[in-house]
Amino acid sequence: MDKDHLIELISNSLVYESKDSESTKNLCDFKNYLERLNIDQLRTMSKEFIL
C-alpha cells in the first residue's frame, strides 16, 4: 500500500458519526500527524487498527 492509502485506511477507521466540530478538528489534526509519518510507521500503525 502506498502512503496515501494507509493514511485513509487509518483515519477512516477512526471516523464515527459525530456532529461535534471538535471531533472533526481532531480528525483533521490526526490526519496531519499521519502525513508526517514515514511509510514504515504507517504500516505499523495500520496493523494496530486492522487487528
N, C-alpha and C. Protein backbone atom coordinates (compact mmCIF):
# COMPACT_ATOMS: atom_id res chain seq x y z
N MET A 1 0.84 -1.19 0.00
CA MET A 1 0.00 0.00 0.00
C MET A 1 0.88 1.25 0.00
N ASP A 2 0.40 2.24 -0.66
CA ASP A 2 1.15 3.49 -0.64
C ASP A 2 0.73 4.33 0.57
N LYS A 3 1.46 5.38 0.78
CA LYS A 3 1.27 6.22 1.98
C LYS A 3 -0.13 6.81 2.05
N ASP A 4 -0.63 7.33 0.95
CA ASP A 4 -1.97 7.94 0.95
C ASP A 4 -3.04 6.92 1.31
N HIS A 5 -2.90 5.73 0.79
CA HIS A 5 -3.89 4.69 1.09
C HIS A 5 -3.85 4.31 2.56
N LEU A 6 -2.68 4.20 3.13
CA LEU A 6 -2.56 3.89 4.56
C LEU A 6 -3.16 4.98 5.43
N ILE A 7 -2.92 6.21 5.07
CA ILE A 7 -3.47 7.34 5.83
C ILE A 7 -4.99 7.29 5.79
N GLU A 8 -5.55 7.02 4.63
CA GLU A 8 -7.01 6.92 4.52
C GLU A 8 -7.55 5.74 5.32
N LEU A 9 -6.86 4.63 5.25
CA LEU A 9 -7.29 3.45 5.99
C LEU A 9 -7.33 3.73 7.49
N ILE A 10 -6.28 4.31 8.01
CA ILE A 10 -6.20 4.59 9.44
C ILE A 10 -7.22 5.64 9.85
N SER A 11 -7.27 6.73 9.12
CA SER A 11 -8.18 7.81 9.51
C SER A 11 -9.65 7.38 9.37
N ASN A 12 -9.96 6.59 8.34
CA ASN A 12 -11.33 6.11 8.17
C ASN A 12 -11.74 5.15 9.28
N SER A 13 -10.78 4.45 9.81
CA SER A 13 -11.10 3.54 10.91
C SER A 13 -11.48 4.31 12.18
N LEU A 14 -11.12 5.57 12.23
CA LEU A 14 -11.44 6.41 13.39
C LEU A 14 -12.71 7.23 13.20
N VAL A 15 -13.20 7.26 11.99
CA VAL A 15 -14.37 8.08 11.70
C VAL A 15 -15.60 7.45 12.33
N TYR A 16 -16.36 8.25 12.97
CA TYR A 16 -17.62 7.80 13.54
C TYR A 16 -18.63 8.92 13.39
N GLU A 17 -19.87 8.59 13.51
CA GLU A 17 -20.93 9.59 13.36
C GLU A 17 -20.87 10.59 14.51
N SER A 18 -20.51 11.78 14.17
CA SER A 18 -20.44 12.81 15.20
C SER A 18 -20.68 14.16 14.53
N LYS A 19 -21.48 14.95 15.16
CA LYS A 19 -21.73 16.29 14.65
C LYS A 19 -20.92 17.32 15.41
N ASP A 20 -20.04 16.82 16.24
CA ASP A 20 -19.21 17.67 17.08
C ASP A 20 -18.08 18.26 16.23
N SER A 21 -18.01 19.55 16.13
CA SER A 21 -16.97 20.19 15.32
C SER A 21 -15.59 19.94 15.90
N GLU A 22 -15.52 19.75 17.21
CA GLU A 22 -14.23 19.46 17.83
C GLU A 22 -13.70 18.10 17.36
N SER A 23 -14.57 17.13 17.21
CA SER A 23 -14.16 15.81 16.71
C SER A 23 -13.64 15.91 15.28
N THR A 24 -14.30 16.71 14.48
CA THR A 24 -13.87 16.92 13.10
C THR A 24 -12.49 17.57 13.08
N LYS A 25 -12.28 18.54 13.93
CA LYS A 25 -10.97 19.20 14.01
C LYS A 25 -9.91 18.21 14.47
N ASN A 26 -10.24 17.37 15.44
CA ASN A 26 -9.28 16.38 15.92
C ASN A 26 -8.91 15.39 14.84
N LEU A 27 -9.88 14.98 14.04
CA LEU A 27 -9.60 14.06 12.95
C LEU A 27 -8.68 14.71 11.92
N CYS A 28 -8.93 15.96 11.64
CA CYS A 28 -8.07 16.70 10.70
C CYS A 28 -6.66 16.80 11.26
N ASP A 29 -6.53 17.09 12.53
CA ASP A 29 -5.21 17.16 13.17
C ASP A 29 -4.51 15.81 13.12
N PHE A 30 -5.28 14.75 13.33
CA PHE A 30 -4.71 13.41 13.30
C PHE A 30 -4.23 13.05 11.90
N LYS A 31 -4.99 13.43 10.89
CA LYS A 31 -4.56 13.17 9.51
C LYS A 31 -3.28 13.94 9.19
N ASN A 32 -3.17 15.14 9.71
CA ASN A 32 -1.94 15.91 9.52
C ASN A 32 -0.76 15.22 10.19
N TYR A 33 -1.01 14.66 11.35
CA TYR A 33 0.03 13.89 12.05
C TYR A 33 0.45 12.69 11.22
N LEU A 34 -0.52 11.98 10.67
CA LEU A 34 -0.21 10.81 9.85
C LEU A 34 0.63 11.18 8.63
N GLU A 35 0.35 12.33 8.06
CA GLU A 35 1.10 12.79 6.89
C GLU A 35 2.60 12.94 7.20
N ARG A 36 2.91 13.23 8.44
CA ARG A 36 4.32 13.45 8.82
C ARG A 36 5.07 12.14 9.09
N LEU A 37 4.34 11.04 9.21
CA LEU A 37 4.99 9.76 9.48
C LEU A 37 5.56 9.17 8.19
N ASN A 38 6.56 8.31 8.36
CA ASN A 38 7.08 7.63 7.18
C ASN A 38 6.26 6.38 6.91
N ILE A 39 6.49 5.76 5.77
CA ILE A 39 5.68 4.63 5.34
C ILE A 39 5.76 3.44 6.30
N ASP A 40 6.91 3.20 6.88
CA ASP A 40 7.05 2.09 7.82
C ASP A 40 6.25 2.33 9.09
N GLN A 41 6.27 3.55 9.56
CA GLN A 41 5.48 3.89 10.75
C GLN A 41 3.99 3.73 10.48
N LEU A 42 3.57 4.13 9.29
CA LEU A 42 2.16 3.98 8.92
C LEU A 42 1.76 2.52 8.80
N ARG A 43 2.63 1.71 8.26
CA ARG A 43 2.33 0.28 8.15
C ARG A 43 2.17 -0.34 9.53
N THR A 44 3.04 0.01 10.44
CA THR A 44 2.94 -0.50 11.80
C THR A 44 1.64 -0.04 12.44
N MET A 45 1.32 1.20 12.29
CA MET A 45 0.10 1.74 12.87
C MET A 45 -1.14 1.09 12.25
N SER A 46 -1.13 0.87 10.96
CA SER A 46 -2.29 0.28 10.30
C SER A 46 -2.54 -1.14 10.82
N LYS A 47 -1.50 -1.86 11.15
CA LYS A 47 -1.66 -3.21 11.69
C LYS A 47 -2.42 -3.16 13.01
N GLU A 48 -2.19 -2.15 13.79
CA GLU A 48 -2.90 -2.00 15.06
C GLU A 48 -4.39 -1.74 14.83
N PHE A 49 -4.72 -1.00 13.81
CA PHE A 49 -6.10 -0.68 13.54
C PHE A 49 -6.84 -1.83 12.87
N ILE A 50 -6.13 -2.61 12.10
CA ILE A 50 -6.75 -3.74 11.40
C ILE A 50 -7.03 -4.86 12.38
N LEU A 51 -6.14 -5.07 13.34
CA LEU A 51 -6.33 -6.12 14.33
C LEU A 51 -7.35 -5.66 15.30
